[in-house]
Amino acid sequence: MNYKDFLEISAQFSLGGLITEQAHPHTVGLSEFAKNDLKTGIQRMKDLDMHVFDVLMNKLDQLAHMNQMVLDTWSKGNRVFICGCGSTGRLALTLETLYRQITKQTNIISFMAGGDVAIIASVEDFEDHPEFGAQQLNELGFKEGDLLISSTEGGETPWVIGAVQEASNIGKPFYLYCNPDEVLTVQRSQDVFNNPNINKINLSVGHQAITGSTRMQCSTVLTYAIGLAILCKENFIDYATNSIKNVRQYYESIDAHQFIAKFVELEADCYLRKEFVFYRSQPNIAINILTDTTERCPTFSLHPFESILDNPINPSWSYFVMDVTEGNYNSSLQTWESLLYGRQPRALSSNYWHKYQHKVGLEKLLSHDISQDQIERRIKYAGGNHNQFRIVYDQDKLEMSWEFLSPNSERIHFAKVKAIDDVLGQNIVLKCLINIHSTLLMGRIGRYQSNIMIYVRPTNNKLIDRAIRYVLYLLKQNNIVNENITYALVCEHLFEEIKTLVYGESIVLKTFERVKNLFSL
């Protein structure tokens, strides 16, 4: 695609009017708080998380209907499918894993754009293809009587819409989203709203802590909502009300600054010294930790997790490794099956995906070895110093520890909080805490300005539009105003910069400088 091709379809992806794409006034200056006042930065992000509980409490009747349809589906021997793209895809896989962990049952099937490979390696360009969503649904054997629960933070993701429209041909799927109906004016969203076979649930939580970064409050509310619906067996209103009240009280009681601030400082200092980090956790929370670390790549333009097939291997700043204390996992496949709680990975392998095998095939997934073998291997090929961030959750506690791993092992810092007797709720709180950690970490090393995602990677149409809008915003903020500075002009120059863009560079800043220089002559 060139810039002219994008401009022809740009009206379908001009999403600046969405609430999720606008800056939150409560987190203006977050990048400076990350550097100079972590306590304030942590509290401001936590404030936004608290709104999630209010939104859920106001939607219990609709969620109760979804819960009843889930139970009816299972009572007839059918399956519930959960899907999403990017962050919502990872939350779908997280929920299936959590469900298998709690119930030991296998009547939920989760899938995401690009298949399970996208857990660890972003497959962003799949998002633009509704036909891919429909194809993946059908390949998994979705049939009459099954139920699809789809989610999209923005409410306009083509891949998700393709899947839910396909499911609506034989059933009444659910479509969960996080923007007000009145701002979702693009035709594909309107088509969903006008389809009487699709159950719509609006879970708008407002602006995100980082502009456009729906991996935070949007994916939190969606995870909690669907989790409640699939885990409750009876009396949904009472069950959900008690869970939300208890989890809210628990999260409020945690001194998040005391718990995570030191870890933010340690990890930021590590990267500034050009050292490396292993994230480690056991299977019960592994997918939560892997999700957060994977999502840093497209959000902050970090180099993605390397594959052992890469030549040469360019190591990412951090890497996830499964911390297994029970069982013997001797291969990458066995370790992935452990992370997914006993199921085999769902890679895309039919002839339909032949030309994408290098991105979505099983070999690609397994080349991201998350077994403990990767520790010695990575220390050898990456060189330098390595640190270890271990996160553990059991019935009694949630604890984190930071260790210097090579050349000598030494514990540097340790913190823990008491856990609650609500596995879903504890996972929600863990997600919020590690989202706060990674966001402030990235702000501390300059990966966004104020609360604007200037390091976004333009890997699909929505992100191209976002990058163009951020360039226009920076030009206006710097009083670079000219009638010739248009969306189309910025688009043209952004596509020129894309040609030479490498990981670690900001397409927004590069394009901003290019246009600024053009009008400074």
Protein backbone atom coordinates (compact mmCIF):
# COMPACT_ATOMS: atom_id res chain seq x y z
CA MET A 1 0.00 0.00 0.00
CA ASN A 2 1.16 3.55 -0.73
CA TYR A 3 -0.18 6.78 0.68
CA LYS A 4 -2.63 7.27 -2.19
CA ASP A 5 -4.12 3.84 -1.56
CA PHE A 6 -4.56 4.67 2.10
CA LEU A 7 -6.15 8.04 1.40
CA GLU A 8 -8.77 6.33 -0.78
CA ILE A 9 -9.95 4.29 2.23
CA SER A 10 -8.97 6.71 5.00
CA ALA A 11 -12.58 7.74 5.70
CA GLN A 12 -13.18 4.20 6.95
CA PHE A 13 -10.31 4.53 9.43
CA SER A 14 -10.46 8.20 10.47
CA LEU A 15 -11.16 7.44 14.10
CA GLY A 16 -10.17 10.63 15.88
CA GLY A 17 -13.77 11.15 16.98
CA LEU A 18 -13.77 7.99 19.10
CA ILE A 19 -13.52 8.56 22.84
CA THR A 20 -10.89 5.83 23.09
CA GLU A 21 -8.71 7.81 20.66
CA GLN A 22 -8.75 11.06 22.66
CA ALA A 23 -6.46 12.26 25.45
CA HIS A 24 -7.65 11.85 29.03
CA PRO A 25 -7.37 15.12 31.00
CA HIS A 26 -6.57 13.20 34.20
CA THR A 27 -3.34 11.78 32.75
CA VAL A 28 -2.01 14.85 30.95
CA GLY A 29 1.68 15.03 31.86
CA LEU A 30 1.89 11.32 32.71
CA SER A 31 5.31 10.99 31.08
CA GLU A 32 6.69 13.60 33.48
CA PHE A 33 5.07 11.91 36.46
CA ALA A 34 6.72 8.67 35.34
CA LYS A 35 10.12 10.36 35.53
CA ASN A 36 9.71 12.61 38.53
CA ASP A 37 6.66 11.66 40.59
CA LEU A 38 5.77 7.98 40.38
CA LYS A 39 3.34 8.19 43.28
CA THR A 40 1.12 10.66 41.44
CA GLY A 41 1.45 8.78 38.15
CA ILE A 42 0.44 5.49 39.77
CA GLN A 43 -2.53 7.04 41.55
CA ARG A 44 -3.82 8.76 38.42
CA MET A 45 -3.75 5.51 36.48
CA LYS A 46 -5.38 3.66 39.35
CA ASP A 47 -8.15 6.28 39.42
CA LEU A 48 -9.08 5.38 35.84
CA ASP A 49 -9.12 1.68 36.68
CA MET A 50 -11.67 2.31 39.43
CA HIS A 51 -14.17 3.59 36.86
CA VAL A 52 -14.25 0.09 35.34
CA PHE A 53 -16.19 -1.19 38.37
CA ASP A 54 -18.84 1.54 38.02
CA VAL A 55 -19.38 0.71 34.34
CA LEU A 56 -19.82 -2.98 35.09
CA MET A 57 -22.31 -2.36 37.92
CA ASN A 58 -24.47 -0.38 35.48
CA LYS A 59 -24.50 -3.21 32.92
CA LEU A 60 -25.41 -6.19 35.10
CA ASP A 61 -28.79 -6.79 33.43
CA GLN A 62 -27.20 -7.13 29.99
CA LEU A 63 -24.38 -9.26 31.35
CA ALA A 64 -26.94 -11.47 33.08
CA HIS A 65 -28.58 -12.07 29.69
CA MET A 66 -25.20 -13.06 28.24
CA ASN A 67 -24.58 -15.37 31.20
CA GLN A 68 -27.95 -17.06 30.67
CA MET A 69 -27.21 -17.62 26.99
CA VAL A 70 -23.84 -19.11 27.93
CA LEU A 71 -25.51 -21.53 30.35
CA ASP A 72 -28.21 -22.41 27.82
CA THR A 73 -25.55 -23.13 25.20
CA TRP A 74 -23.70 -25.50 27.51
CA SER A 75 -26.90 -27.20 28.68
CA LYS A 76 -27.48 -28.32 25.09
CA GLY A 77 -23.98 -29.72 24.72
CA ASN A 78 -22.70 -26.86 22.56
CA ARG A 79 -19.64 -24.65 22.90
CA VAL A 80 -18.96 -21.00 23.67
CA PHE A 81 -16.43 -19.22 21.44
CA ILE A 82 -14.64 -16.04 22.55
CA CYS A 83 -12.72 -13.90 20.07
CA GLY A 84 -10.95 -10.61 19.63
CA CYS A 85 -8.09 -8.89 17.86
CA GLY A 86 -4.86 -7.68 19.44
CA SER A 87 -5.57 -6.87 23.09
CA THR A 88 -9.08 -8.30 22.96
CA GLY A 89 -7.72 -11.43 21.29
CA ARG A 90 -5.26 -11.93 24.10
CA LEU A 91 -8.00 -11.40 26.66
CA ALA A 92 -10.04 -14.10 24.87
CA LEU A 93 -7.18 -16.57 25.22
CA THR A 94 -6.61 -15.46 28.81
CA LEU A 95 -10.24 -16.15 29.68
CA GLU A 96 -10.21 -19.64 28.15
CA THR A 97 -7.04 -20.42 30.08
CA LEU A 98 -8.53 -19.05 33.30
CA TYR A 99 -11.76 -20.99 32.73
CA ARG A 100 -9.85 -24.25 32.19
CA GLN A 101 -7.79 -23.53 35.31
CA ILE A 102 -10.85 -22.93 37.52
CA THR A 103 -13.40 -25.42 36.12
CA LYS A 104 -11.20 -28.09 34.49
CA GLN A 105 -13.67 -27.98 31.56
CA THR A 106 -12.98 -27.56 27.85
CA ASN A 107 -16.25 -26.20 26.45
CA ILE A 108 -14.83 -22.76 25.67
CA ILE A 109 -12.89 -22.11 22.47
CA SER A 110 -10.93 -18.86 22.20
CA PHE A 111 -9.30 -17.45 19.10
CA MET A 112 -7.69 -14.23 17.99
CA ALA A 113 -6.65 -12.54 14.78
CA GLY A 114 -3.59 -14.42 13.54
CA GLY A 115 -4.14 -17.45 15.77
CA ASP A 116 -2.22 -18.27 18.94
CA VAL A 117 1.02 -16.96 17.46
CA ALA A 118 -0.36 -13.47 18.09
CA ILE A 119 -0.09 -14.05 21.85
CA ILE A 120 3.63 -13.41 21.61
CA ALA A 121 4.15 -11.85 18.16
CA SER A 122 1.77 -9.08 17.09
CA VAL A 123 0.01 -9.84 13.80
CA GLU A 124 -1.45 -6.37 13.46
CA ASP A 125 -2.19 -6.38 9.73
CA PHE A 126 -4.79 -9.15 10.15
CA GLU A 127 -7.00 -6.60 11.90
CA ASP A 128 -8.03 -4.98 8.61
CA HIS A 129 -9.52 -8.16 7.12
CA PRO A 130 -13.10 -9.10 8.11
CA GLU A 131 -12.88 -12.19 5.90
CA PHE A 132 -10.04 -13.50 8.09
CA GLY A 133 -12.26 -13.35 11.17
CA ALA A 134 -14.99 -15.31 9.41
CA GLN A 135 -12.48 -17.85 8.10
CA GLN A 136 -10.94 -18.52 11.51
CA LEU A 137 -14.38 -18.97 13.07
CA ASN A 138 -15.41 -21.51 10.46
CA GLU A 139 -12.12 -23.43 10.61
CA LEU A 140 -12.69 -23.98 14.33
CA GLY A 141 -15.95 -25.75 13.55
CA PHE A 142 -18.43 -23.12 14.76
CA LYS A 143 -21.90 -24.56 14.17
CA GLU A 144 -25.57 -23.96 14.86
CA GLY A 145 -26.17 -23.97 18.60
CA ASP A 146 -22.73 -22.61 19.46
CA LEU A 147 -22.41 -19.10 20.89
CA LEU A 148 -19.83 -16.46 19.93
CA ILE A 149 -18.81 -13.68 22.33
CA SER A 150 -16.74 -11.13 20.42
CA SER A 151 -15.08 -8.02 21.77
CA THR A 152 -13.48 -4.96 20.25
CA GLU A 153 -12.28 -2.07 22.37
CA GLY A 154 -12.96 0.55 19.71
CA GLY A 155 -16.12 -1.01 18.32
CA GLU A 156 -14.98 -0.88 14.71
CA THR A 157 -12.35 -3.58 14.23
CA PRO A 158 -12.91 -5.20 10.80
CA TRP A 159 -11.61 -8.67 11.80
CA VAL A 160 -13.94 -8.88 14.81
CA ILE A 161 -16.86 -7.60 12.76
CA GLY A 162 -16.18 -10.26 10.14
CA ALA A 163 -16.35 -12.98 12.79
CA VAL A 164 -19.50 -11.71 14.50
CA GLN A 165 -21.35 -11.13 11.24
CA GLU A 166 -20.50 -14.67 10.15
CA ALA A 167 -21.75 -16.08 13.47
CA SER A 168 -24.98 -14.09 13.15
CA ASN A 169 -25.92 -16.10 10.07
CA ILE A 170 -26.71 -19.13 12.26
CA GLY A 171 -27.08 -17.73 15.78
CA LYS A 172 -27.27 -14.68 18.03
CA PRO A 173 -23.69 -13.76 18.97
CA PHE A 174 -22.57 -11.04 21.36
CA TYR A 175 -20.61 -7.94 20.40
CA LEU A 176 -18.95 -6.04 23.27
CA TYR A 177 -17.29 -2.67 22.68
CA CYS A 178 -16.10 0.47 24.50
CA ASN A 179 -17.17 3.58 22.60
CA PRO A 180 -20.50 5.44 22.68
CA ASP A 181 -22.80 4.37 19.85
CA GLU A 182 -23.13 7.91 18.52
CA VAL A 183 -19.42 8.21 17.65
CA LEU A 184 -19.25 4.85 15.83
CA THR A 185 -20.32 6.23 12.49
CA VAL A 186 -18.18 4.05 10.19
CA GLN A 187 -20.33 1.79 8.04
CA ARG A 188 -19.01 -1.50 9.37
CA SER A 189 -20.03 -0.55 12.92
CA GLN A 190 -23.43 0.62 11.70
CA ASP A 191 -23.89 -2.73 9.97
CA VAL A 192 -23.42 -4.46 13.33
CA PHE A 193 -25.84 -2.10 15.08
CA ASN A 194 -28.44 -2.73 12.38
CA ASN A 195 -28.14 -6.52 12.55
CA PRO A 196 -31.00 -7.82 14.76
CA ASN A 197 -29.23 -11.15 15.28
CA ILE A 198 -26.30 -9.55 17.13
CA ASN A 199 -26.56 -8.79 20.85
CA LYS A 200 -24.74 -5.52 21.53
CA ILE A 201 -23.28 -4.57 24.93
CA ASN A 202 -21.67 -1.14 25.23
CA LEU A 203 -19.02 -0.98 27.97
CA SER A 204 -17.67 2.51 27.42
CA VAL A 205 -15.09 3.42 30.06
CA GLY A 206 -14.08 6.73 28.52
CA HIS A 207 -10.64 7.97 27.51
CA GLN A 208 -7.65 5.71 28.10
CA ALA A 209 -4.70 6.49 30.37
CA ILE A 210 -2.47 6.69 27.29
CA THR A 211 -4.29 8.08 24.27
CA GLY A 212 -5.53 5.20 22.14
CA SER A 213 -3.93 2.51 24.31
CA THR A 214 -6.99 0.32 24.76
CA ARG A 215 -4.87 -2.47 26.25
CA MET A 216 -5.62 -0.83 29.60
CA GLN A 217 -9.10 0.17 30.87
CA CYS A 218 -10.97 -1.07 27.79
CA SER A 219 -9.50 -4.56 27.85
CA THR A 220 -9.91 -4.66 31.65
CA VAL A 221 -13.66 -4.02 31.53
CA LEU A 222 -14.12 -6.50 28.68
CA THR A 223 -12.12 -9.21 30.46
CA TYR A 224 -14.05 -8.79 33.68
CA ALA A 225 -17.45 -8.68 31.95
CA ILE A 226 -16.92 -11.83 29.89
CA GLY A 227 -15.19 -13.56 32.80
CA LEU A 228 -18.20 -13.02 35.05
CA ALA A 229 -20.53 -14.34 32.35
CA ILE A 230 -18.63 -17.59 31.77
CA LEU A 231 -17.80 -18.37 35.41
CA CYS A 232 -21.17 -17.77 37.09
CA LYS A 233 -23.38 -20.89 37.32
CA GLU A 234 -26.46 -19.29 38.97
CA ASN A 235 -27.82 -16.06 40.52
CA PHE A 236 -25.74 -13.87 38.24
CA ILE A 237 -26.74 -10.47 39.67
CA ASP A 238 -25.76 -11.48 43.22
CA TYR A 239 -22.61 -13.25 42.04
CA ALA A 240 -21.39 -10.35 39.91
CA THR A 241 -22.36 -7.66 42.44
CA ASN A 242 -20.43 -9.37 45.23
CA SER A 243 -17.40 -9.96 43.01
CA ILE A 244 -17.24 -6.37 41.75
CA LYS A 245 -17.70 -4.86 45.22
CA ASN A 246 -15.08 -7.12 46.80
CA VAL A 247 -12.52 -6.67 44.04
CA ARG A 248 -13.01 -2.92 44.04
CA GLN A 249 -12.48 -2.76 47.81
CA TYR A 250 -9.40 -4.98 47.51
CA TYR A 251 -7.85 -2.91 44.72
CA GLU A 252 -8.51 0.31 46.63
CA SER A 253 -6.78 -1.15 49.68
CA ILE A 254 -3.52 -1.92 47.84
CA ASP A 255 -0.81 0.72 48.16
CA ALA A 256 0.17 0.41 44.51
CA HIS A 257 2.99 2.92 44.87
CA GLN A 258 4.66 0.94 47.63
CA PHE A 259 4.08 -2.31 45.74
CA ILE A 260 5.34 -1.49 42.22
CA ALA A 261 7.23 1.83 42.14
CA LYS A 262 10.62 0.29 42.90
CA PHE A 263 10.13 -2.26 40.11
CA VAL A 264 9.41 0.57 37.64
CA GLU A 265 12.67 2.24 38.65
CA LEU A 266 14.69 -0.98 38.48
CA GLU A 267 13.47 -2.00 35.04
CA ALA A 268 13.85 1.48 33.57
CA ASP A 269 17.41 1.73 34.88
CA CYS A 270 18.12 -1.71 33.43
CA TYR A 271 17.15 -0.65 29.90
CA LEU A 272 18.98 2.65 30.17
CA ARG A 273 22.10 0.61 30.97
CA LYS A 274 21.31 -1.57 27.91
CA GLU A 275 20.76 -4.67 30.04
CA PHE A 276 18.12 -7.37 29.52
CA VAL A 277 15.20 -8.74 31.54
CA PHE A 278 13.54 -12.13 31.87
CA TYR A 279 9.93 -12.01 33.01
CA ARG A 280 9.03 -15.25 34.80
CA SER A 281 5.77 -16.59 36.19
CA GLN A 282 4.04 -19.91 36.70
CA PRO A 283 1.25 -21.22 34.41
CA ASN A 284 -1.64 -19.83 36.49
CA ILE A 285 -0.80 -16.22 35.54
CA ALA A 286 1.69 -16.73 32.71
CA ILE A 287 -0.61 -15.57 29.92
CA ASN A 288 -1.33 -12.32 31.81
CA ILE A 289 2.36 -11.51 32.07
CA LEU A 290 3.12 -12.55 28.50
CA THR A 291 0.25 -10.39 27.22
CA ASP A 292 1.55 -7.24 28.87
CA THR A 293 5.10 -7.73 27.64
CA THR A 294 3.98 -8.59 24.09
CA GLU A 295 1.80 -5.49 23.84
CA ARG A 296 4.72 -3.17 24.52
CA CYS A 297 6.03 -3.79 21.01
CA PRO A 298 3.26 -2.15 18.93
CA THR A 299 2.44 0.43 21.61
CA PHE A 300 5.95 1.70 22.26
CA SER A 301 7.86 0.53 19.17
CA LEU A 302 10.03 -1.96 21.02
CA HIS A 303 11.71 -4.77 19.16
CA PRO A 304 9.44 -7.83 19.41
CA PHE A 305 10.38 -11.05 21.17
CA GLU A 306 13.00 -12.73 19.04
CA SER A 307 12.64 -16.13 17.43
CA ILE A 308 15.35 -18.77 17.60
CA LEU A 309 14.97 -18.98 13.80
CA ASP A 310 16.02 -15.35 13.33
CA ASN A 311 19.31 -14.82 11.56
CA PRO A 312 20.83 -12.74 12.94
CA ILE A 313 19.06 -12.78 16.30
CA ASN A 314 18.22 -9.30 17.55
CA PRO A 315 17.28 -9.73 21.23
CA SER A 316 14.33 -7.80 22.63
CA TRP A 317 14.76 -5.81 25.81
CA SER A 318 12.68 -8.31 27.77
CA TYR A 319 11.64 -11.91 27.23
CA PHE A 320 9.08 -14.14 28.92
CA VAL A 321 10.03 -17.57 30.30
CA MET A 322 7.71 -20.03 32.01
CA ASP A 323 8.63 -20.61 35.63
CA VAL A 324 7.58 -24.25 36.06
CA THR A 325 8.09 -25.92 39.43
CA GLU A 326 5.98 -29.02 38.79
CA GLY A 327 6.12 -31.35 35.79
CA ASN A 328 8.83 -31.79 33.23
CA TYR A 329 8.53 -29.57 30.17
CA ASN A 330 11.36 -30.46 27.84
CA SER A 331 10.23 -28.74 24.68
CA SER A 332 8.78 -25.50 23.44
CA LEU A 333 5.51 -27.28 22.54
CA GLN A 334 5.10 -28.76 26.03
CA THR A 335 5.75 -25.39 27.61
CA TRP A 336 3.19 -23.68 25.38
CA GLU A 337 0.65 -26.38 26.27
CA SER A 338 1.35 -25.69 29.94
CA LEU A 339 0.76 -21.96 29.45
CA LEU A 340 -2.55 -22.75 27.69
CA TYR A 341 -3.55 -25.11 30.52
CA GLY A 342 -3.38 -28.39 28.70
CA ARG A 343 -4.57 -27.54 25.23
CA GLN A 344 -2.53 -27.58 22.05
CA PRO A 345 -1.76 -24.25 20.38
CA ARG A 346 -4.19 -23.17 17.66
CA ALA A 347 -1.95 -21.99 14.85
CA LEU A 348 -3.31 -21.26 11.37
CA SER A 349 -2.31 -24.14 9.13
CA SER A 350 -4.90 -24.68 6.38
CA ASN A 351 -4.17 -23.92 2.75
CA TYR A 352 -6.07 -20.65 3.14
CA TRP A 353 -3.17 -19.30 5.22
CA HIS A 354 -0.37 -20.69 3.06
CA LYS A 355 1.24 -17.35 2.25
CA TYR A 356 1.11 -16.27 5.90
CA GLN A 357 2.80 -19.33 7.43
CA HIS A 358 5.95 -17.38 8.24
CA LYS A 359 3.78 -15.21 10.50
CA VAL A 360 1.03 -17.47 11.88
CA GLY A 361 2.15 -21.09 11.51
CA LEU A 362 2.94 -23.47 14.36
CA GLU A 363 6.66 -23.40 13.57
CA LYS A 364 6.61 -19.64 14.07
CA LEU A 365 4.94 -19.98 17.46
CA LEU A 366 7.27 -22.70 18.72
CA SER A 367 10.32 -20.74 17.58
CA HIS A 368 9.47 -18.37 20.41
CA ASP A 369 10.73 -20.77 23.04
CA ILE A 370 9.36 -19.85 26.47
CA SER A 371 10.83 -22.88 28.22
CA GLN A 372 13.61 -22.47 30.77
CA ASP A 373 16.08 -23.63 28.11
CA GLN A 374 15.77 -20.15 26.67
CA ILE A 375 17.49 -18.57 29.67
CA GLU A 376 20.92 -20.06 29.01
CA ARG A 377 20.49 -19.71 25.25
CA ARG A 378 19.55 -16.04 25.46
CA ILE A 379 22.30 -15.10 27.90
CA LYS A 380 24.75 -16.62 25.42
CA TYR A 381 23.58 -14.92 22.21
CA ALA A 382 22.55 -11.59 23.74
CA GLY A 383 25.62 -11.12 25.90
CA GLY A 384 25.68 -8.40 28.52
CA ASN A 385 23.91 -8.42 31.87
CA HIS A 386 20.54 -10.07 32.54
CA ASN A 387 17.95 -9.46 35.22
CA GLN A 388 14.94 -11.45 36.30
CA PHE A 389 11.47 -10.12 37.23
CA ARG A 390 9.51 -12.95 38.84
CA ILE A 391 5.77 -12.61 39.52
CA VAL A 392 3.99 -15.24 41.63
CA TYR A 393 0.33 -15.63 42.58
CA ASP A 394 -1.12 -18.30 44.82
CA GLN A 395 -4.18 -18.49 47.09
CA ASP A 396 -2.48 -16.46 49.80
CA LYS A 397 -0.37 -13.83 48.10
CA LEU A 398 0.68 -11.91 45.02
CA GLU A 399 4.41 -11.27 45.09
CA MET A 400 7.07 -9.80 42.86
CA SER A 401 10.84 -10.03 43.05
CA TRP A 402 13.70 -8.50 41.10
CA GLU A 403 16.95 -10.41 40.78
CA PHE A 404 20.27 -9.79 39.10
CA LEU A 405 20.69 -13.00 37.10
CA SER A 406 24.05 -12.89 35.35
CA PRO A 407 26.89 -13.22 35.89
CA ASN A 408 25.84 -13.77 39.54
CA SER A 409 22.40 -14.33 41.08
CA GLU A 410 21.34 -11.77 43.68
CA ARG A 411 17.89 -10.68 44.88
CA ILE A 412 17.64 -6.89 44.69
CA HIS A 413 14.03 -6.17 45.70
CA PHE A 414 10.94 -8.05 46.87
CA ALA A 415 7.32 -7.04 47.57
CA LYS A 416 4.05 -8.84 48.22
CA VAL A 417 0.38 -8.22 48.97
CA LYS A 418 -2.29 -10.51 50.34
CA ALA A 419 -4.40 -12.26 47.69
CA ILE A 420 -8.19 -12.54 47.65
CA ASP A 421 -10.40 -15.60 47.29
CA ASP A 422 -11.60 -14.66 43.80
CA VAL A 423 -9.40 -15.99 41.01
CA LEU A 424 -11.01 -13.86 38.29
CA GLY A 425 -10.90 -10.76 40.47
CA GLN A 426 -7.28 -11.36 41.46
CA ASN A 427 -6.34 -11.68 37.81
CA ILE A 428 -8.12 -8.40 37.04
CA VAL A 429 -6.17 -6.61 39.77
CA LEU A 430 -2.91 -8.19 38.60
CA LYS A 431 -3.63 -7.00 35.07
CA CYS A 432 -4.21 -3.44 36.28
CA LEU A 433 -1.00 -3.42 38.32
CA ILE A 434 1.24 -4.73 35.56
CA ASN A 435 -0.39 -2.34 33.05
CA ILE A 436 0.46 0.54 35.37
CA HIS A 437 3.98 -0.81 35.78
CA SER A 438 4.71 -1.15 32.06
CA THR A 439 3.09 2.16 31.14
CA LEU A 440 5.05 4.18 33.69
CA LEU A 441 8.18 2.23 32.82
CA MET A 442 7.81 3.29 29.19
CA GLY A 443 7.14 6.89 30.20
CA ARG A 444 10.25 6.89 32.35
CA ILE A 445 12.41 6.04 29.34
CA GLY A 446 10.66 8.50 27.00
CA ARG A 447 8.36 6.25 24.96
CA TYR A 448 5.43 8.69 25.02
CA GLN A 449 4.97 12.44 25.54
CA SER A 450 2.51 13.62 28.18
CA ASN A 451 -0.13 10.95 27.49
CA ILE A 452 0.28 10.74 23.71
CA MET A 453 1.44 7.47 22.13
CA ILE A 454 4.12 8.98 19.88
CA TYR A 455 5.94 5.65 19.42
CA VAL A 456 2.95 3.84 17.92
CA ARG A 457 3.92 1.53 15.05
CA PRO A 458 1.73 2.07 11.93
CA THR A 459 1.16 -1.62 11.17
CA ASN A 460 -2.51 -1.43 10.20
CA ASN A 461 -4.95 1.16 8.90
CA LYS A 462 -6.19 2.27 12.32
CA LEU A 463 -2.62 2.83 13.53
CA ILE A 464 -1.66 4.71 10.36
CA ASP A 465 -4.56 7.09 10.98
CA ARG A 466 -3.52 7.41 14.63
CA ALA A 467 0.06 8.28 13.69
CA ILE A 468 -1.11 10.93 11.19
CA ARG A 469 -3.36 12.52 13.80
CA TYR A 470 -0.55 12.61 16.36
CA VAL A 471 1.75 14.35 13.88
CA LEU A 472 -0.93 16.98 13.24
CA TYR A 473 -1.36 17.37 17.00
CA LEU A 474 2.37 17.95 17.56
CA LEU A 475 2.54 20.44 14.71
CA LYS A 476 -0.30 22.42 16.25
CA GLN A 477 1.24 22.21 19.73
CA ASN A 478 4.46 23.66 18.31
CA ASN A 479 2.65 26.48 16.50
CA ILE A 480 3.57 25.13 13.08
CA VAL A 481 0.44 26.22 11.26
CA ASN A 482 0.02 26.49 7.51
CA GLU A 483 -3.00 26.02 5.27
CA ASN A 484 -0.99 23.51 3.23
CA ILE A 485 -0.47 21.21 6.23
CA THR A 486 -3.28 18.76 5.69
CA TYR A 487 -4.09 15.19 6.66
CA ALA A 488 -3.17 14.14 3.10
CA LEU A 489 0.20 15.91 3.19
CA VAL A 490 1.15 14.38 6.52
CA CYS A 491 0.02 11.00 5.21
CA GLU A 492 2.32 11.30 2.21
CA HIS A 493 5.34 12.13 4.35
CA LEU A 494 4.51 9.47 6.91
CA PHE A 495 4.55 6.81 4.19
CA GLU A 496 7.96 8.06 3.08
CA GLU A 497 9.27 7.64 6.63
CA ILE A 498 7.75 4.17 6.92
CA LYS A 499 10.10 2.99 4.17
CA THR A 500 13.12 3.37 6.45
CA LEU A 501 11.50 2.96 9.87
CA VAL A 502 13.23 0.56 12.25
CA TYR A 503 12.27 -0.64 15.73
CA GLY A 504 13.04 1.92 18.37
CA GLU A 505 12.23 4.90 16.15
CA SER A 506 9.13 7.05 16.45
CA ILE A 507 7.27 7.38 13.17
CA VAL A 508 5.35 10.29 14.69
CA LEU A 509 8.48 12.25 15.63
CA LYS A 510 10.24 11.45 12.36
CA THR A 511 7.27 12.63 10.31
CA PHE A 512 6.81 15.66 12.54
CA GLU A 513 10.44 16.72 11.97
CA ARG A 514 10.10 16.12 8.23
CA VAL A 515 7.00 18.32 7.91
CA LYS A 516 8.35 20.94 10.33
CA ASN A 517 11.52 21.30 8.27
CA LEU A 518 9.50 21.53 5.08
CA PHE A 519 7.60 24.55 6.40
CA SER A 520 10.56 26.15 8.15
CA LEU A 521 12.44 26.88 4.95
